[in-house]
Amino acid sequence: MIYNYLSLEKVRMLKECSRITYSKSMPHPSRTMFYHDLAYVSKGHFHLCQGDDKIIAQEADVFFLTGNNYHFSDANSPKGSECIFLHFDIDEKDYIKSGRASCRERVS
């Protein structure tokens, strides 16, 4: 599992937000974005991979893609799949940790 730690010292600038609906069965784009991506699946489902983690996000799920990290899809999302997304700034103090977070890390 990937744990994303976002610095709370900086006010984040929302760069883009919208709703996307797939007009046909297709994979999520393969890309590296220069913003963090927080998405809510309102219909259908999405299959994504980032690093060693595989995300299968279904209706009513929320998923997070870390900026400056390549992500891709290993399966098509069905026609009509829809998500609402928020893209926001990366901070130099943000970091990613693979594995299991300890209680101390979650509290601090």
C-alpha atoms as a PDB file:
ATOM      1  CA  MET A   1       0.000   0.000   0.000  1.00  0.00           C
ATOM      2  CA  ILE A   2       1.195   3.537  -0.702  1.00  0.00           C
ATOM      3  CA  TYR A   3       0.740   6.159   1.995  1.00  0.00           C
ATOM      4  CA  ASN A   4       0.754   9.774   0.875  1.00  0.00           C
ATOM      5  CA  TYR A   5       1.772  12.365   3.424  1.00  0.00           C
ATOM      6  CA  LEU A   6       0.754  15.875   2.434  1.00  0.00           C
ATOM      7  CA  SER A   7       2.317  18.851   4.136  1.00  0.00           C
ATOM      8  CA  LEU A   8      -0.219  21.014   5.952  1.00  0.00           C
ATOM      9  CA  GLU A   9       2.082  24.039   6.022  1.00  0.00           C
ATOM     10  CA  LYS A  10       1.061  25.329   2.600  1.00  0.00           C
ATOM     11  CA  VAL A  11      -2.309  26.518   1.351  1.00  0.00           C
ATOM     12  CA  ARG A  12      -2.996  24.387  -1.740  1.00  0.00           C
ATOM     13  CA  MET A  13      -4.067  25.991  -4.997  1.00  0.00           C
ATOM     14  CA  LEU A  14      -6.807  24.139  -6.858  1.00  0.00           C
ATOM     15  CA  LYS A  15      -5.592  23.952 -10.455  1.00  0.00           C
ATOM     16  CA  GLU A  16      -8.477  22.187 -12.139  1.00  0.00           C
ATOM     17  CA  CYS A  17     -11.659  20.360 -11.265  1.00  0.00           C
ATOM     18  CA  SER A  18     -14.310  18.804 -13.435  1.00  0.00           C
ATOM     19  CA  ARG A  19     -16.419  15.758 -14.167  1.00  0.00           C
ATOM     20  CA  ILE A  20     -15.305  13.295 -16.820  1.00  0.00           C
ATOM     21  CA  THR A  21     -17.573  10.705 -18.473  1.00  0.00           C
ATOM     22  CA  TYR A  22     -16.290   8.013 -20.828  1.00  0.00           C
ATOM     23  CA  SER A  23     -18.328   7.940 -24.042  1.00  0.00           C
ATOM     24  CA  LYS A  24     -17.008   4.432 -24.832  1.00  0.00           C
ATOM     25  CA  SER A  25     -15.190   1.599 -23.085  1.00  0.00           C
ATOM     26  CA  MET A  26     -11.573   2.715 -22.733  1.00  0.00           C
ATOM     27  CA  PRO A  27      -8.563   2.746 -20.399  1.00  0.00           C
ATOM     28  CA  HIS A  28      -7.642   5.667 -18.182  1.00  0.00           C
ATOM     29  CA  PRO A  29      -4.845   7.699 -19.845  1.00  0.00           C
ATOM     30  CA  SER A  30      -1.232   6.679 -19.177  1.00  0.00           C
ATOM     31  CA  ARG A  31       0.577   9.774 -17.929  1.00  0.00           C
ATOM     32  CA  THR A  32       2.553  11.638 -15.321  1.00  0.00           C
ATOM     33  CA  MET A  33       0.705  14.659 -13.990  1.00  0.00           C
ATOM     34  CA  PHE A  34       2.414  17.530 -12.235  1.00  0.00           C
ATOM     35  CA  TYR A  35      -0.435  17.909  -9.744  1.00  0.00           C
ATOM     36  CA  HIS A  36      -1.991  15.620  -7.167  1.00  0.00           C
ATOM     37  CA  ASP A  37      -5.284  14.121  -8.346  1.00  0.00           C
ATOM     38  CA  LEU A  38      -8.153  13.365  -5.972  1.00  0.00           C
ATOM     39  CA  ALA A  39     -11.075  11.650  -7.712  1.00  0.00           C
ATOM     40  CA  TYR A  40     -14.557  10.433  -6.756  1.00  0.00           C
ATOM     41  CA  VAL A  41     -16.095   7.693  -8.920  1.00  0.00           C
ATOM     42  CA  SER A  42     -19.742   8.600  -9.456  1.00  0.00           C
ATOM     43  CA  LYS A  43     -20.507   5.838 -12.012  1.00  0.00           C
ATOM     44  CA  GLY A  44     -18.816   2.708 -13.316  1.00  0.00           C
ATOM     45  CA  HIS A  45     -15.255   1.860 -12.330  1.00  0.00           C
ATOM     46  CA  PHE A  46     -11.610   2.646 -13.072  1.00  0.00           C
ATOM     47  CA  HIS A  47      -8.533   0.377 -13.022  1.00  0.00           C
ATOM     48  CA  LEU A  48      -5.284   2.235 -12.335  1.00  0.00           C
ATOM     49  CA  CYS A  49      -1.721   1.398 -11.412  1.00  0.00           C
ATOM     50  CA  GLN A  50       0.762   3.730  -9.767  1.00  0.00           C
ATOM     51  CA  GLY A  51       4.091   2.350  -8.638  1.00  0.00           C
ATOM     52  CA  ASP A  52       3.519  -1.159  -7.298  1.00  0.00           C
ATOM     53  CA  ASP A  53      -0.085  -0.431  -6.303  1.00  0.00           C
ATOM     54  CA  LYS A  54      -3.166  -1.364  -8.269  1.00  0.00           C
ATOM     55  CA  ILE A  55      -6.324   0.660  -7.703  1.00  0.00           C
ATOM     56  CA  ILE A  56      -9.736  -0.706  -8.629  1.00  0.00           C
ATOM     57  CA  ALA A  57     -12.041   2.211  -7.899  1.00  0.00           C
ATOM     58  CA  GLN A  58     -15.756   1.501  -8.127  1.00  0.00           C
ATOM     59  CA  GLU A  59     -18.852   3.646  -7.776  1.00  0.00           C
ATOM     60  CA  ALA A  60     -18.715   5.804  -4.616  1.00  0.00           C
ATOM     61  CA  ASP A  61     -14.953   5.204  -4.133  1.00  0.00           C
ATOM     62  CA  VAL A  62     -12.415   8.004  -3.771  1.00  0.00           C
ATOM     63  CA  PHE A  63      -8.853   7.536  -5.018  1.00  0.00           C
ATOM     64  CA  PHE A  64      -5.694   9.630  -4.901  1.00  0.00           C
ATOM     65  CA  LEU A  65      -2.937   9.765  -7.511  1.00  0.00           C
ATOM     66  CA  THR A  66       0.307  11.367  -6.441  1.00  0.00           C
ATOM     67  CA  GLY A  67       1.696  14.124  -8.633  1.00  0.00           C
ATOM     68  CA  ASN A  68       5.002  13.624 -10.474  1.00  0.00           C
ATOM     69  CA  ASN A  69       4.427   9.840 -10.526  1.00  0.00           C
ATOM     70  CA  TYR A  70       3.513   7.838 -13.609  1.00  0.00           C
ATOM     71  CA  HIS A  71       0.142   6.090 -13.571  1.00  0.00           C
ATOM     72  CA  PHE A  72      -1.640   3.953 -16.159  1.00  0.00           C
ATOM     73  CA  SER A  73      -4.613   1.657 -16.616  1.00  0.00           C
ATOM     74  CA  ASP A  74      -4.373  -2.105 -17.003  1.00  0.00           C
ATOM     75  CA  ALA A  75      -8.029  -2.542 -18.037  1.00  0.00           C
ATOM     76  CA  ASN A  76     -10.788  -0.609 -19.757  1.00  0.00           C
ATOM     77  CA  SER A  77     -13.440   1.285 -17.862  1.00  0.00           C
ATOM     78  CA  PRO A  78     -16.936   0.658 -19.213  1.00  0.00           C
ATOM     79  CA  LYS A  79     -18.851   3.186 -21.282  1.00  0.00           C
ATOM     80  CA  GLY A  80     -20.532   5.707 -18.986  1.00  0.00           C
ATOM     81  CA  SER A  81     -17.878   5.491 -16.248  1.00  0.00           C
ATOM     82  CA  GLU A  82     -17.665   8.875 -14.608  1.00  0.00           C
ATOM     83  CA  CYS A  83     -15.524  10.611 -12.014  1.00  0.00           C
ATOM     84  CA  ILE A  84     -15.252  14.023 -10.462  1.00  0.00           C
ATOM     85  CA  PHE A  85     -11.656  15.114 -10.005  1.00  0.00           C
ATOM     86  CA  LEU A  86      -9.674  17.812  -8.218  1.00  0.00           C
ATOM     87  CA  HIS A  87      -6.109  18.634  -9.280  1.00  0.00           C
ATOM     88  CA  PHE A  88      -4.074  20.587  -6.750  1.00  0.00           C
ATOM     89  CA  ASP A  89      -0.510  21.750  -6.109  1.00  0.00           C
ATOM     90  CA  ILE A  90       2.318  19.539  -4.965  1.00  0.00           C
ATOM     91  CA  ASP A  91       4.424  20.767  -2.062  1.00  0.00           C
ATOM     92  CA  GLU A  92       8.133  19.918  -1.731  1.00  0.00           C
ATOM     93  CA  LYS A  93       7.413  18.532   1.767  1.00  0.00           C
ATOM     94  CA  ASP A  94       4.875  15.982   0.487  1.00  0.00           C
ATOM     95  CA  TYR A  95       6.189  12.446   0.429  1.00  0.00           C
ATOM     96  CA  ILE A  96       5.182   8.873  -0.315  1.00  0.00           C
ATOM     97  CA  LYS A  97       5.889   5.815   1.764  1.00  0.00           C
ATOM     98  CA  SER A  98       5.277   2.242   0.698  1.00  0.00           C
ATOM     99  CA  GLY A  99       4.331  -0.382   3.239  1.00  0.00           C
ATOM    100  CA  ARG A 100       2.362  -0.048   6.419  1.00  0.00           C
ATOM    101  CA  ALA A 101       2.128   3.239   8.312  1.00  0.00           C
ATOM    102  CA  SER A 102       2.834   3.094  12.032  1.00  0.00           C
ATOM    103  CA  CYS A 103       0.535   4.678  14.636  1.00  0.00           C
ATOM    104  CA  ARG A 104       3.199   7.306  15.346  1.00  0.00           C
ATOM    105  CA  GLU A 105       3.298   8.304  11.649  1.00  0.00           C
ATOM    106  CA  ARG A 106      -0.487   8.581  11.471  1.00  0.00           C
ATOM    107  CA  VAL A 107      -0.664  10.874  14.527  1.00  0.00           C
ATOM    108  CA  SER A 108       2.268  13.184  13.866  1.00  0.00           C
END
